[in-house]
Amino acid sequence: MLCRRVYLDVIGLPPSPKEVNESVAAAESDRPAAVAALVGWLLKKPQYGEKWARHWLDVARYSDSNGYEKDLPREVWADHDWVVAAYNRDLPYNQFLVEQLAGDLLPNATQDQLVATGFLQNSMVNEEGAIVPEQFRTDEMFDRMDALGKAAFGLTLRS
């Protein structure tokens, strides 16, 4: 049924039986208008941002933990929430990228724009004692560039 497919495509969740019945009833009189209204209504639900932000967060290498041997939690949830909110408020892609990469450098940057730069913190974390700090900083920088290239341009930026 179209109603179920629209729900799954837009917000990633199935409709309730009540929502299916309402959609079927609305489609009986004017199907194109009913579908357009349903899509518009679903785009305004917070689940829309939750579903679609996952794609960006995956390619941006978002994680709630450090990984590696010492899998410690990280305080990066604010970046996750910012990305979800950006999708829900339909932030234009060019502005989305500007805020993710340089939100802290914008004139009169807001708290939201400062939080947006959490993208830059989604890089490798190594708490082992036997690392060369400058080498790790360089590796981390190239890792961020690679993640940005893959996420924004679909290109690998590593040699």
N, C-alpha and C. Protein backbone atom coordinates (compact mmCIF):
# COMPACT_ATOMS: atom_id res chain seq x y z
N MET A 1 0.84 -1.18 0.00
CA MET A 1 0.00 0.00 0.00
C MET A 1 0.88 1.24 0.00
N LEU A 2 0.46 2.25 -0.72
CA LEU A 2 1.23 3.48 -0.87
C LEU A 2 1.46 4.18 0.47
N CYS A 3 0.47 4.19 1.33
CA CYS A 3 0.60 4.86 2.62
C CYS A 3 1.77 4.29 3.41
N ARG A 4 1.85 3.00 3.48
CA ARG A 4 2.94 2.34 4.23
C ARG A 4 4.30 2.67 3.60
N ARG A 5 4.37 2.62 2.29
CA ARG A 5 5.63 2.92 1.60
C ARG A 5 6.06 4.36 1.86
N VAL A 6 5.13 5.29 1.81
CA VAL A 6 5.46 6.70 2.06
C VAL A 6 5.99 6.87 3.48
N TYR A 7 5.32 6.28 4.44
CA TYR A 7 5.77 6.36 5.84
C TYR A 7 7.19 5.82 5.98
N LEU A 8 7.43 4.63 5.43
CA LEU A 8 8.75 4.02 5.56
C LEU A 8 9.83 4.82 4.84
N ASP A 9 9.50 5.37 3.67
CA ASP A 9 10.49 6.15 2.93
C ASP A 9 10.80 7.49 3.59
N VAL A 10 9.79 8.15 4.13
CA VAL A 10 10.00 9.50 4.65
C VAL A 10 10.50 9.50 6.10
N ILE A 11 9.88 8.70 6.98
CA ILE A 11 10.28 8.73 8.39
C ILE A 11 10.86 7.42 8.90
N GLY A 12 10.83 6.38 8.08
CA GLY A 12 11.43 5.11 8.47
C GLY A 12 10.61 4.29 9.45
N LEU A 13 9.37 4.65 9.66
CA LEU A 13 8.48 3.93 10.58
C LEU A 13 7.18 3.60 9.87
N PRO A 14 6.57 2.47 10.20
CA PRO A 14 5.28 2.13 9.58
C PRO A 14 4.15 2.96 10.20
N PRO A 15 3.09 3.16 9.44
CA PRO A 15 1.93 3.88 9.99
C PRO A 15 1.14 3.00 10.94
N SER A 16 0.42 3.64 11.83
CA SER A 16 -0.49 2.89 12.71
C SER A 16 -1.73 2.50 11.89
N PRO A 17 -2.51 1.54 12.35
CA PRO A 17 -3.75 1.20 11.63
C PRO A 17 -4.66 2.42 11.46
N LYS A 18 -4.71 3.27 12.47
CA LYS A 18 -5.55 4.48 12.38
C LYS A 18 -5.04 5.40 11.27
N GLU A 19 -3.72 5.57 11.17
CA GLU A 19 -3.14 6.42 10.14
C GLU A 19 -3.38 5.84 8.74
N VAL A 20 -3.33 4.53 8.61
CA VAL A 20 -3.63 3.89 7.33
C VAL A 20 -5.07 4.17 6.94
N ASN A 21 -5.99 3.97 7.87
CA ASN A 21 -7.41 4.21 7.58
C ASN A 21 -7.67 5.65 7.19
N GLU A 22 -7.03 6.59 7.88
CA GLU A 22 -7.20 8.01 7.55
C GLU A 22 -6.66 8.31 6.15
N SER A 23 -5.52 7.72 5.80
CA SER A 23 -4.93 7.95 4.48
C SER A 23 -5.78 7.36 3.37
N VAL A 24 -6.30 6.16 3.61
CA VAL A 24 -7.16 5.51 2.61
C VAL A 24 -8.43 6.34 2.40
N ALA A 25 -9.01 6.82 3.49
CA ALA A 25 -10.23 7.64 3.38
C ALA A 25 -9.95 8.93 2.63
N ALA A 26 -8.82 9.58 2.90
CA ALA A 26 -8.48 10.83 2.22
C ALA A 26 -8.21 10.59 0.74
N ALA A 27 -7.61 9.44 0.40
CA ALA A 27 -7.26 9.15 -0.99
C ALA A 27 -8.46 8.81 -1.84
N GLU A 28 -9.58 8.46 -1.23
CA GLU A 28 -10.77 8.09 -2.01
C GLU A 28 -11.32 9.26 -2.80
N SER A 29 -11.22 10.46 -2.26
CA SER A 29 -11.78 11.61 -2.97
C SER A 29 -10.77 12.26 -3.93
N ASP A 30 -9.52 12.39 -3.50
CA ASP A 30 -8.50 13.03 -4.34
C ASP A 30 -7.13 12.45 -3.99
N ARG A 31 -6.76 11.38 -4.66
CA ARG A 31 -5.53 10.66 -4.32
C ARG A 31 -4.27 11.53 -4.41
N PRO A 32 -4.03 12.27 -5.50
CA PRO A 32 -2.81 13.09 -5.56
C PRO A 32 -2.72 14.11 -4.42
N ALA A 33 -3.82 14.74 -4.11
CA ALA A 33 -3.81 15.73 -3.02
C ALA A 33 -3.58 15.05 -1.68
N ALA A 34 -4.16 13.86 -1.50
CA ALA A 34 -3.99 13.13 -0.24
C ALA A 34 -2.54 12.69 -0.06
N VAL A 35 -1.92 12.22 -1.13
CA VAL A 35 -0.51 11.81 -1.05
C VAL A 35 0.37 13.02 -0.76
N ALA A 36 0.13 14.12 -1.45
CA ALA A 36 0.92 15.34 -1.22
C ALA A 36 0.77 15.82 0.22
N ALA A 37 -0.45 15.78 0.73
CA ALA A 37 -0.69 16.21 2.11
C ALA A 37 0.01 15.27 3.10
N LEU A 38 -0.03 13.98 2.82
CA LEU A 38 0.62 13.00 3.69
C LEU A 38 2.13 13.22 3.72
N VAL A 39 2.73 13.39 2.55
CA VAL A 39 4.17 13.62 2.48
C VAL A 39 4.53 14.91 3.21
N GLY A 40 3.79 15.97 2.98
CA GLY A 40 4.04 17.24 3.67
C GLY A 40 3.94 17.11 5.17
N TRP A 41 2.95 16.36 5.63
CA TRP A 41 2.76 16.16 7.07
C TRP A 41 3.91 15.35 7.66
N LEU A 42 4.35 14.31 6.94
CA LEU A 42 5.45 13.48 7.43
C LEU A 42 6.78 14.25 7.45
N LEU A 43 6.97 15.14 6.49
CA LEU A 43 8.20 15.93 6.46
C LEU A 43 8.32 16.86 7.67
N LYS A 44 7.21 17.16 8.31
CA LYS A 44 7.22 18.04 9.49
C LYS A 44 7.41 17.27 10.79
N LYS A 45 7.40 15.95 10.73
CA LYS A 45 7.55 15.15 11.95
C LYS A 45 9.03 15.05 12.34
N PRO A 46 9.33 15.03 13.63
CA PRO A 46 10.74 14.93 14.05
C PRO A 46 11.42 13.65 13.58
N GLN A 47 10.65 12.61 13.34
CA GLN A 47 11.23 11.34 12.88
C GLN A 47 11.88 11.48 11.50
N TYR A 48 11.43 12.48 10.72
CA TYR A 48 12.05 12.71 9.41
C TYR A 48 13.54 13.02 9.60
N GLY A 49 13.84 13.98 10.46
CA GLY A 49 15.24 14.34 10.71
C GLY A 49 16.03 13.21 11.33
N GLU A 50 15.39 12.45 12.22
CA GLU A 50 16.07 11.33 12.86
C GLU A 50 16.48 10.28 11.83
N LYS A 51 15.58 10.01 10.87
CA LYS A 51 15.89 8.99 9.85
C LYS A 51 16.99 9.47 8.91
N TRP A 52 16.84 10.67 8.37
CA TRP A 52 17.76 11.12 7.34
C TRP A 52 19.08 11.61 7.89
N ALA A 53 19.12 12.07 9.12
CA ALA A 53 20.39 12.48 9.73
C ALA A 53 21.33 11.29 9.89
N ARG A 54 20.77 10.11 10.06
CA ARG A 54 21.61 8.91 10.21
C ARG A 54 22.55 8.73 9.03
N HIS A 55 22.10 9.05 7.84
CA HIS A 55 22.93 8.88 6.65
C HIS A 55 24.16 9.79 6.73
N TRP A 56 23.95 11.06 7.07
CA TRP A 56 25.08 11.98 7.20
C TRP A 56 25.97 11.56 8.36
N LEU A 57 25.37 11.22 9.48
CA LEU A 57 26.16 10.84 10.65
C LEU A 57 27.00 9.59 10.38
N ASP A 58 26.49 8.68 9.58
CA ASP A 58 27.27 7.49 9.23
C ASP A 58 28.50 7.86 8.40
N VAL A 59 28.32 8.66 7.37
CA VAL A 59 29.48 9.01 6.54
C VAL A 59 30.41 9.99 7.24
N ALA A 60 29.88 10.74 8.22
CA ALA A 60 30.72 11.65 9.01
C ALA A 60 31.45 10.91 10.12
N ARG A 61 31.20 9.61 10.22
CA ARG A 61 31.84 8.74 11.22
C ARG A 61 31.46 9.11 12.64
N TYR A 62 30.23 9.50 12.83
CA TYR A 62 29.74 9.81 14.18
C TYR A 62 29.72 8.54 15.01
N SER A 63 30.12 8.67 16.27
CA SER A 63 30.07 7.54 17.19
C SER A 63 29.94 8.07 18.61
N ASP A 64 29.18 7.35 19.42
CA ASP A 64 29.03 7.73 20.82
C ASP A 64 30.17 7.21 21.68
N SER A 65 31.11 6.50 21.06
CA SER A 65 32.24 5.97 21.83
C SER A 65 33.53 6.15 21.04
N ASN A 66 34.65 5.97 21.72
CA ASN A 66 35.96 6.15 21.09
C ASN A 66 36.33 5.02 20.14
N GLY A 67 35.85 3.81 20.42
CA GLY A 67 36.28 2.67 19.64
C GLY A 67 37.64 2.19 20.11
N TYR A 68 38.35 1.49 19.26
CA TYR A 68 39.65 0.91 19.60
C TYR A 68 39.54 0.05 20.85
N GLU A 69 40.64 -0.11 21.56
CA GLU A 69 40.67 -1.00 22.72
C GLU A 69 39.93 -0.40 23.91
N LYS A 70 40.07 0.88 24.12
CA LYS A 70 39.42 1.56 25.24
C LYS A 70 38.15 2.21 24.71
N ASP A 71 37.08 1.47 24.73
CA ASP A 71 35.82 1.92 24.13
C ASP A 71 35.05 2.79 25.12
N LEU A 72 35.56 3.98 25.35
CA LEU A 72 34.97 4.89 26.33
C LEU A 72 33.91 5.77 25.67
N PRO A 73 32.89 6.16 26.42
CA PRO A 73 31.87 7.05 25.86
C PRO A 73 32.43 8.45 25.61
N ARG A 74 31.86 9.13 24.62
CA ARG A 74 32.27 10.50 24.30
C ARG A 74 31.06 11.41 24.46
N GLU A 75 31.32 12.66 24.74
CA GLU A 75 30.25 13.65 24.88
C GLU A 75 30.05 14.37 23.54
N VAL A 76 29.51 13.66 22.56
CA VAL A 76 29.31 14.25 21.24
C VAL A 76 27.84 14.22 20.82
N TRP A 77 26.97 13.98 21.77
CA TRP A 77 25.54 13.90 21.46
C TRP A 77 25.00 15.21 20.92
N ALA A 78 25.59 16.34 21.30
CA ALA A 78 25.08 17.63 20.83
C ALA A 78 25.22 17.75 19.32
N ASP A 79 26.30 17.22 18.76
CA ASP A 79 26.47 17.24 17.30
C ASP A 79 25.38 16.40 16.63
N HIS A 80 25.12 15.23 17.19
CA HIS A 80 24.04 14.37 16.67
C HIS A 80 22.72 15.13 16.66
N ASP A 81 22.39 15.76 17.79
CA ASP A 81 21.12 16.49 17.89
C ASP A 81 21.08 17.67 16.93
N TRP A 82 22.22 18.33 16.71
CA TRP A 82 22.26 19.46 15.79
C TRP A 82 21.96 18.98 14.37
N VAL A 83 22.54 17.86 13.96
CA VAL A 83 22.31 17.34 12.61
C VAL A 83 20.83 16.98 12.42
N VAL A 84 20.24 16.32 13.41
CA VAL A 84 18.81 15.98 13.33
C VAL A 84 17.98 17.25 13.20
N ALA A 85 18.27 18.25 14.02
CA ALA A 85 17.52 19.51 13.97
C ALA A 85 17.72 20.22 12.63
N ALA A 86 18.93 20.16 12.07
CA ALA A 86 19.20 20.80 10.78
C ALA A 86 18.35 20.17 9.68
N TYR A 87 18.22 18.86 9.70
CA TYR A 87 17.36 18.19 8.72
C TYR A 87 15.90 18.59 8.95
N ASN A 88 15.49 18.65 10.19
CA ASN A 88 14.08 18.97 10.47
C ASN A 88 13.73 20.41 10.12
N ARG A 89 14.69 21.32 10.18
CA ARG A 89 14.38 22.70 9.81
C ARG A 89 14.74 23.01 8.36
N ASP A 90 15.12 21.96 7.61
CA ASP A 90 15.41 22.07 6.18
C ASP A 90 16.52 23.08 5.90
N LEU A 91 17.59 23.00 6.70
CA LEU A 91 18.73 23.87 6.50
C LEU A 91 19.34 23.59 5.12
N PRO A 92 19.53 24.62 4.28
CA PRO A 92 20.12 24.38 2.96
C PRO A 92 21.49 23.69 3.07
N TYR A 93 21.78 22.82 2.12
CA TYR A 93 22.99 22.00 2.17
C TYR A 93 24.26 22.85 2.26
N ASN A 94 24.32 23.93 1.50
CA ASN A 94 25.53 24.76 1.54
C ASN A 94 25.73 25.36 2.94
N GLN A 95 24.66 25.80 3.57
CA GLN A 95 24.75 26.35 4.92
C GLN A 95 25.08 25.24 5.93
N PHE A 96 24.51 24.07 5.70
CA PHE A 96 24.79 22.91 6.55
C PHE A 96 26.29 22.63 6.57
N LEU A 97 26.91 22.59 5.39
CA LEU A 97 28.35 22.32 5.31
C LEU A 97 29.18 23.44 5.93
N VAL A 98 28.80 24.69 5.67
CA VAL A 98 29.53 25.82 6.26
C VAL A 98 29.52 25.72 7.78
N GLU A 99 28.36 25.44 8.36
CA GLU A 99 28.27 25.37 9.81
C GLU A 99 28.98 24.14 10.37
N GLN A 100 28.96 23.03 9.65
CA GLN A 100 29.66 21.83 10.12
C GLN A 100 31.18 22.04 10.12
N LEU A 101 31.68 22.78 9.14
CA LEU A 101 33.12 22.94 8.99
C LEU A 101 33.68 24.19 9.64
N ALA A 102 32.89 25.25 9.70
CA ALA A 102 33.43 26.53 10.19
C ALA A 102 32.40 27.34 10.95
N GLY A 103 31.46 26.69 11.60
CA GLY A 103 30.44 27.42 12.35
C GLY A 103 31.01 28.35 13.40
N ASP A 104 32.14 27.96 13.97
CA ASP A 104 32.77 28.79 15.00
C ASP A 104 33.47 30.01 14.42
N LEU A 105 33.68 30.04 13.11
CA LEU A 105 34.36 31.16 12.47
C LEU A 105 33.40 32.16 11.84
N LEU A 106 32.11 31.88 11.88
CA LEU A 106 31.13 32.79 11.31
C LEU A 106 31.02 34.04 12.17
N PRO A 107 30.75 35.20 11.55
CA PRO A 107 30.58 36.42 12.35
C PRO A 107 29.39 36.26 13.30
N ASN A 108 29.56 36.64 14.54
CA ASN A 108 28.51 36.54 15.56
C ASN A 108 27.91 35.14 15.61
N ALA A 109 28.77 34.14 15.64
CA ALA A 109 28.33 32.74 15.64
C ALA A 109 27.39 32.46 16.82
N THR A 110 26.31 31.78 16.52
CA THR A 110 25.35 31.40 17.56
C THR A 110 25.84 30.13 18.26
N GLN A 111 25.20 29.80 19.37
CA GLN A 111 25.54 28.57 20.08
C GLN A 111 25.33 27.36 19.17
N ASP A 112 24.26 27.37 18.38
CA ASP A 112 24.00 26.27 17.44
C ASP A 112 25.13 26.12 16.43
N GLN A 113 25.62 27.23 15.93
CA GLN A 113 26.71 27.17 14.94
C GLN A 113 28.00 26.66 15.57
N LEU A 114 28.22 26.98 16.83
CA LEU A 114 29.39 26.44 17.53
C LEU A 114 29.25 24.93 17.71
N VAL A 115 28.05 24.49 18.07
CA VAL A 115 27.80 23.06 18.26
C VAL A 115 27.97 22.31 16.94
N ALA A 116 27.59 22.94 15.84
CA ALA A 116 27.66 22.29 14.52
C ALA A 116 29.07 21.82 14.19
N THR A 117 30.07 22.50 14.69
CA THR A 117 31.45 22.10 14.37
C THR A 117 31.85 20.81 15.07
N GLY A 118 30.93 20.18 15.78
CA GLY A 118 31.17 18.86 16.35
C GLY A 118 31.57 17.85 15.28
N PHE A 119 31.23 18.13 14.03
CA PHE A 119 31.67 17.29 12.92
C PHE A 119 33.18 17.07 12.97
N LEU A 120 33.90 18.14 13.32
CA LEU A 120 35.36 18.08 13.34
C LEU A 120 35.89 17.22 14.48
N GLN A 121 35.05 16.91 15.45
CA GLN A 121 35.46 16.08 16.58
C GLN A 121 35.20 14.60 16.33
N ASN A 122 34.57 14.26 15.22
CA ASN A 122 34.25 12.86 14.93
C ASN A 122 35.42 12.13 14.31
N SER A 123 36.59 12.38 14.81
CA SER A 123 37.76 11.71 14.25
C SER A 123 38.30 10.69 15.24
N MET A 124 39.38 10.08 14.84
CA MET A 124 39.97 9.02 15.65
C MET A 124 40.35 9.55 17.03
N VAL A 125 40.20 8.69 18.02
CA VAL A 125 40.64 8.99 19.38
C VAL A 125 41.54 7.85 19.81
N ASN A 126 42.71 8.19 20.29
CA ASN A 126 43.64 7.16 20.74
C ASN A 126 44.18 7.57 22.09
N GLU A 127 43.87 6.78 23.10
CA GLU A 127 44.31 7.11 24.45
C GLU A 127 45.46 6.22 24.90
N GLU A 128 46.12 5.59 23.95
CA GLU A 128 47.28 4.78 24.29
C GLU A 128 48.45 5.72 24.59
N GLY A 129 49.35 5.28 25.41
CA GLY A 129 50.46 6.13 25.80
C GLY A 129 51.61 6.14 24.80
N ALA A 130 51.68 5.16 23.92
CA ALA A 130 52.84 5.01 23.03
C ALA A 130 52.59 5.61 21.66
N ILE A 131 52.03 6.80 21.61
CA ILE A 131 51.81 7.44 20.32
C ILE A 131 52.69 8.67 20.21
N VAL A 132 53.00 9.05 19.00
CA VAL A 132 53.73 10.29 18.75
C VAL A 132 52.66 11.34 18.49
N PRO A 133 52.52 12.33 19.38
CA PRO A 133 51.41 13.29 19.27
C PRO A 133 51.29 13.97 17.91
N GLU A 134 52.41 14.42 17.34
CA GLU A 134 52.34 15.11 16.06
C GLU A 134 51.91 14.16 14.94
N GLN A 135 52.37 12.94 14.98
CA GLN A 135 51.96 11.94 13.98
C GLN A 135 50.46 11.69 14.09
N PHE A 136 49.96 11.55 15.32
CA PHE A 136 48.54 11.28 15.50
C PHE A 136 47.70 12.49 15.07
N ARG A 137 48.19 13.71 15.35
CA ARG A 137 47.47 14.91 14.93
C ARG A 137 47.37 14.95 13.41
N THR A 138 48.45 14.61 12.73
CA THR A 138 48.45 14.58 11.26
C THR A 138 47.50 13.50 10.74
N ASP A 139 47.56 12.32 11.33
CA ASP A 139 46.66 11.23 10.93
C ASP A 139 45.20 11.64 11.13
N GLU A 140 44.93 12.29 12.25
CA GLU A 140 43.57 12.74 12.56
C GLU A 140 43.10 13.77 11.54
N MET A 141 43.98 14.70 11.16
CA MET A 141 43.64 15.73 10.18
C MET A 141 43.31 15.09 8.83
N PHE A 142 44.13 14.15 8.39
CA PHE A 142 43.87 13.48 7.12
C PHE A 142 42.60 12.62 7.18
N ASP A 143 42.33 12.05 8.33
CA ASP A 143 41.10 11.27 8.52
C ASP A 143 39.87 12.17 8.36
N ARG A 144 39.91 13.37 8.93
CA ARG A 144 38.79 14.31 8.80
C ARG A 144 38.61 14.73 7.36
N MET A 145 39.72 15.03 6.67
CA MET A 145 39.62 15.42 5.26
C MET A 145 39.04 14.30 4.42
N ASP A 146 39.44 13.07 4.71
CA ASP A 146 38.92 11.91 3.98
C ASP A 146 37.42 11.74 4.25
N ALA A 147 37.03 11.89 5.51
CA ALA A 147 35.60 11.77 5.85
C ALA A 147 34.79 12.86 5.15
N LEU A 148 35.30 14.08 5.13
CA LEU A 148 34.61 15.18 4.46
C LEU A 148 34.51 14.91 2.96
N GLY A 149 35.60 14.48 2.35
CA GLY A 149 35.57 14.20 0.92
C GLY A 149 34.55 13.15 0.56
N LYS A 150 34.49 12.09 1.35
CA LYS A 150 33.52 11.02 1.07
C LYS A 150 32.10 11.48 1.34
N ALA A 151 31.91 12.24 2.41
CA ALA A 151 30.56 12.66 2.80
C ALA A 151 30.00 13.73 1.86
N ALA A 152 30.80 14.73 1.55
CA ALA A 152 30.28 15.87 0.80
C ALA A 152 30.47 15.74 -0.71
N PHE A 153 31.54 15.09 -1.13
CA PHE A 153 31.85 15.06 -2.55
C PHE A 153 31.83 13.67 -3.17
N GLY A 154 31.77 12.64 -2.34
CA GLY A 154 31.82 11.27 -2.85
C GLY A 154 33.20 10.90 -3.36
N LEU A 155 34.23 11.57 -2.84
CA LEU A 155 35.60 11.34 -3.29
C LEU A 155 36.48 10.93 -2.13
N THR A 156 37.45 10.08 -2.41
CA THR A 156 38.46 9.73 -1.42
C THR A 156 39.58 10.75 -1.53
N LEU A 157 39.93 11.38 -0.41
CA LEU A 157 40.97 12.41 -0.43
C LEU A 157 42.28 11.92 0.16
N ARG A 158 42.44 10.62 0.23
CA ARG A 158 43.71 10.06 0.73
C ARG A 158 44.52 9.57 -0.46
N SER A 159 45.83 9.65 -0.29
CA SER A 159 46.68 9.15 -1.39
C SER A 159 46.99 7.69 -1.19
